[in-house]
């Protein structure tokens, strides 16, 4: 897989785990599914950073999102 795609998928999974974490804590239950999603997203981001020569900077992330979505639309 492309490292840009791994980064985008990982960031989206990690971002989607946040509402699940909040819901679990507000219901006084353990956030097991949210923790798994957070770990999976973090692992994907880590793999993407390690496989891209030079890594990513914070300023590159919006451009990476745009490039990945543009590839999916074509």
N, C-alpha and C. Protein backbone atom coordinates (compact mmCIF):
# COMPACT_ATOMS: atom_id res chain seq x y z
N UNK A 1 0.82 -1.18 0.00
CA UNK A 1 0.00 0.00 0.00
C UNK A 1 0.86 1.24 0.00
N UNK A 2 0.31 2.28 -0.50
CA UNK A 2 0.97 3.57 -0.55
C UNK A 2 1.02 4.18 0.86
N UNK A 3 2.14 4.80 1.19
CA UNK A 3 2.27 5.37 2.54
C UNK A 3 1.30 6.54 2.75
N UNK A 4 0.98 7.29 1.70
CA UNK A 4 0.01 8.37 1.84
C UNK A 4 -1.37 7.83 2.20
N UNK A 5 -1.76 6.75 1.55
CA UNK A 5 -3.06 6.13 1.84
C UNK A 5 -3.10 5.57 3.26
N UNK A 6 -2.01 4.96 3.69
CA UNK A 6 -1.94 4.44 5.06
C UNK A 6 -2.07 5.57 6.08
N UNK A 7 -1.43 6.70 5.79
CA UNK A 7 -1.51 7.85 6.71
C UNK A 7 -2.94 8.36 6.81
N UNK A 8 -3.60 8.52 5.68
CA UNK A 8 -4.97 9.05 5.68
C UNK A 8 -5.92 8.09 6.39
N UNK A 9 -5.82 6.80 6.09
CA UNK A 9 -6.70 5.82 6.74
C UNK A 9 -6.43 5.79 8.24
N UNK A 10 -5.16 5.81 8.64
CA UNK A 10 -4.82 5.79 10.05
C UNK A 10 -5.33 7.00 10.80
N UNK A 11 -5.18 8.18 10.21
CA UNK A 11 -5.67 9.39 10.87
C UNK A 11 -7.19 9.39 10.96
N UNK A 12 -7.86 8.88 9.94
CA UNK A 12 -9.32 8.85 9.98
C UNK A 12 -9.83 7.86 11.03
N UNK A 13 -9.19 6.70 11.13
CA UNK A 13 -9.59 5.72 12.15
C UNK A 13 -9.34 6.29 13.55
N UNK A 14 -8.20 6.92 13.74
CA UNK A 14 -7.89 7.50 15.05
C UNK A 14 -8.87 8.61 15.40
N UNK A 15 -9.24 9.42 14.42
CA UNK A 15 -10.19 10.50 14.67
C UNK A 15 -11.58 9.96 14.99
N UNK A 16 -11.97 8.87 14.35
CA UNK A 16 -13.28 8.29 14.61
C UNK A 16 -13.36 7.58 15.96
N UNK A 17 -12.22 7.28 16.55
CA UNK A 17 -12.24 6.63 17.85
C UNK A 17 -12.53 7.61 18.98
N UNK A 18 -12.31 8.89 18.76
CA UNK A 18 -12.49 9.88 19.82
C UNK A 18 -13.94 9.96 20.30
N UNK A 19 -14.95 10.03 19.41
CA UNK A 19 -16.33 10.04 19.92
C UNK A 19 -16.69 8.75 20.66
N UNK A 20 -16.13 7.64 20.23
CA UNK A 20 -16.39 6.38 20.91
C UNK A 20 -15.78 6.37 22.31
N UNK A 21 -14.62 6.96 22.46
CA UNK A 21 -13.99 7.06 23.78
C UNK A 21 -14.84 7.93 24.71
N UNK A 22 -15.29 9.06 24.20
CA UNK A 22 -16.11 9.96 25.01
C UNK A 22 -17.42 9.29 25.41
N UNK A 23 -18.05 8.58 24.47
CA UNK A 23 -19.31 7.89 24.78
C UNK A 23 -19.10 6.79 25.82
N UNK A 24 -17.99 6.07 25.72
CA UNK A 24 -17.73 5.00 26.67
C UNK A 24 -17.52 5.56 28.08
N UNK A 25 -16.77 6.64 28.18
CA UNK A 25 -16.54 7.22 29.50
C UNK A 25 -17.81 7.84 30.07
N UNK A 26 -18.66 8.42 29.22
CA UNK A 26 -19.89 9.01 29.74
C UNK A 26 -20.89 7.95 30.19
N UNK A 27 -20.80 6.74 29.63
CA UNK A 27 -21.66 5.63 30.05
C UNK A 27 -21.03 4.79 31.15
N UNK A 28 -19.88 5.20 31.67
CA UNK A 28 -19.13 4.50 32.72
C UNK A 28 -18.81 3.05 32.34
N UNK A 29 -18.30 2.87 31.12
CA UNK A 29 -17.86 1.55 30.68
C UNK A 29 -16.48 1.66 30.06
N UNK A 30 -15.83 0.55 29.93
CA UNK A 30 -14.47 0.54 29.39
C UNK A 30 -14.49 0.79 27.88
N UNK A 31 -13.62 1.65 27.39
CA UNK A 31 -13.60 1.96 25.96
C UNK A 31 -12.77 0.95 25.17
N UNK A 32 -13.18 -0.31 25.16
CA UNK A 32 -12.38 -1.36 24.52
C UNK A 32 -12.31 -1.18 23.00
N UNK A 33 -13.46 -1.03 22.36
CA UNK A 33 -13.48 -0.89 20.91
C UNK A 33 -12.75 0.39 20.49
N UNK A 34 -12.94 1.45 21.25
CA UNK A 34 -12.28 2.71 20.93
C UNK A 34 -10.77 2.58 21.09
N UNK A 35 -10.34 1.86 22.09
CA UNK A 35 -8.90 1.67 22.29
C UNK A 35 -8.29 0.86 21.14
N UNK A 36 -9.02 -0.15 20.68
CA UNK A 36 -8.54 -0.95 19.55
C UNK A 36 -8.44 -0.07 18.30
N UNK A 37 -9.46 0.75 18.07
CA UNK A 37 -9.43 1.65 16.91
C UNK A 37 -8.28 2.65 17.01
N UNK A 38 -8.04 3.17 18.19
CA UNK A 38 -6.97 4.14 18.39
C UNK A 38 -5.60 3.49 18.16
N UNK A 39 -5.41 2.28 18.65
CA UNK A 39 -4.15 1.58 18.44
C UNK A 39 -3.95 1.24 16.96
N UNK A 40 -5.01 0.79 16.30
CA UNK A 40 -4.92 0.47 14.88
C UNK A 40 -4.59 1.72 14.06
N UNK A 41 -5.27 2.81 14.34
CA UNK A 41 -4.98 4.06 13.63
C UNK A 41 -3.56 4.54 13.88
N UNK A 42 -3.12 4.45 15.12
CA UNK A 42 -1.75 4.85 15.44
C UNK A 42 -0.72 3.97 14.76
N UNK A 43 -1.00 2.67 14.68
CA UNK A 43 -0.08 1.76 14.00
C UNK A 43 0.01 2.08 12.51
N UNK A 44 -1.13 2.38 11.89
CA UNK A 44 -1.11 2.73 10.47
C UNK A 44 -0.33 4.02 10.22
N UNK A 45 -0.52 4.99 11.09
CA UNK A 45 0.23 6.25 10.96
C UNK A 45 1.72 6.00 11.14
N UNK A 46 2.08 5.19 12.10
CA UNK A 46 3.49 4.87 12.34
C UNK A 46 4.11 4.15 11.15
N UNK A 47 3.39 3.19 10.58
CA UNK A 47 3.90 2.48 9.40
C UNK A 47 4.07 3.45 8.23
N UNK A 48 3.11 4.36 8.05
CA UNK A 48 3.20 5.33 6.97
C UNK A 48 4.41 6.24 7.14
N UNK A 49 4.66 6.68 8.35
CA UNK A 49 5.80 7.57 8.61
C UNK A 49 7.11 6.83 8.39
N UNK A 50 7.15 5.57 8.80
CA UNK A 50 8.39 4.80 8.67
C UNK A 50 8.68 4.40 7.23
N UNK A 51 7.66 4.20 6.40
CA UNK A 51 7.90 3.76 5.03
C UNK A 51 8.13 4.91 4.06
N UNK A 52 7.75 6.13 4.42
CA UNK A 52 7.99 7.27 3.54
C UNK A 52 9.38 7.82 3.80
N UNK A 53 10.19 7.90 2.77
CA UNK A 53 11.52 8.48 2.96
C UNK A 53 11.42 9.95 3.40
N UNK A 54 12.00 10.28 4.51
CA UNK A 54 11.96 11.63 5.03
C UNK A 54 10.78 11.90 5.94
N UNK A 55 9.81 10.98 5.97
CA UNK A 55 8.65 11.14 6.84
C UNK A 55 7.71 12.23 6.37
N UNK A 56 6.85 12.68 7.27
CA UNK A 56 5.87 13.73 6.99
C UNK A 56 6.06 14.88 7.96
N UNK A 57 5.69 16.06 7.51
CA UNK A 57 5.62 17.20 8.41
C UNK A 57 4.14 17.54 8.59
N UNK A 58 3.85 18.32 9.60
CA UNK A 58 2.46 18.70 9.86
C UNK A 58 1.89 19.52 8.71
N UNK A 59 2.72 20.29 8.04
CA UNK A 59 2.25 21.11 6.93
C UNK A 59 1.90 20.27 5.70
N UNK A 60 2.43 19.07 5.59
CA UNK A 60 2.17 18.21 4.43
C UNK A 60 0.86 17.44 4.55
N UNK A 61 0.32 17.30 5.73
CA UNK A 61 -0.85 16.44 5.94
C UNK A 61 -2.07 16.90 5.15
N UNK A 62 -2.42 18.19 5.11
CA UNK A 62 -3.58 18.57 4.29
C UNK A 62 -3.37 18.25 2.80
N UNK A 63 -2.16 18.44 2.30
CA UNK A 63 -1.88 18.11 0.91
C UNK A 63 -1.98 16.61 0.65
N UNK A 64 -1.55 15.81 1.61
CA UNK A 64 -1.64 14.36 1.47
C UNK A 64 -3.11 13.94 1.41
N UNK A 65 -3.95 14.52 2.27
CA UNK A 65 -5.39 14.23 2.24
C UNK A 65 -5.97 14.57 0.87
N UNK A 66 -5.63 15.75 0.35
CA UNK A 66 -6.16 16.19 -0.94
C UNK A 66 -5.70 15.27 -2.06
N UNK A 67 -4.45 14.85 -2.04
CA UNK A 67 -3.93 13.98 -3.09
C UNK A 67 -4.59 12.61 -3.04
N UNK A 68 -4.80 12.07 -1.85
CA UNK A 68 -5.42 10.75 -1.73
C UNK A 68 -6.87 10.80 -2.19
N UNK A 69 -7.61 11.82 -1.78
CA UNK A 69 -9.00 11.93 -2.20
C UNK A 69 -9.12 12.20 -3.69
N UNK A 70 -8.18 12.96 -4.25
CA UNK A 70 -8.19 13.20 -5.70
C UNK A 70 -7.91 11.90 -6.46
N UNK A 71 -7.01 11.06 -5.95
CA UNK A 71 -6.77 9.77 -6.59
C UNK A 71 -7.99 8.87 -6.52
N UNK A 72 -8.72 8.92 -5.42
CA UNK A 72 -9.90 8.09 -5.29
C UNK A 72 -11.02 8.55 -6.21
N UNK A 73 -11.10 9.84 -6.48
CA UNK A 73 -12.15 10.36 -7.34
C UNK A 73 -11.87 10.13 -8.82
N UNK A 74 -10.61 9.95 -9.17
CA UNK A 74 -10.27 9.71 -10.59
C UNK A 74 -10.43 8.30 -10.98
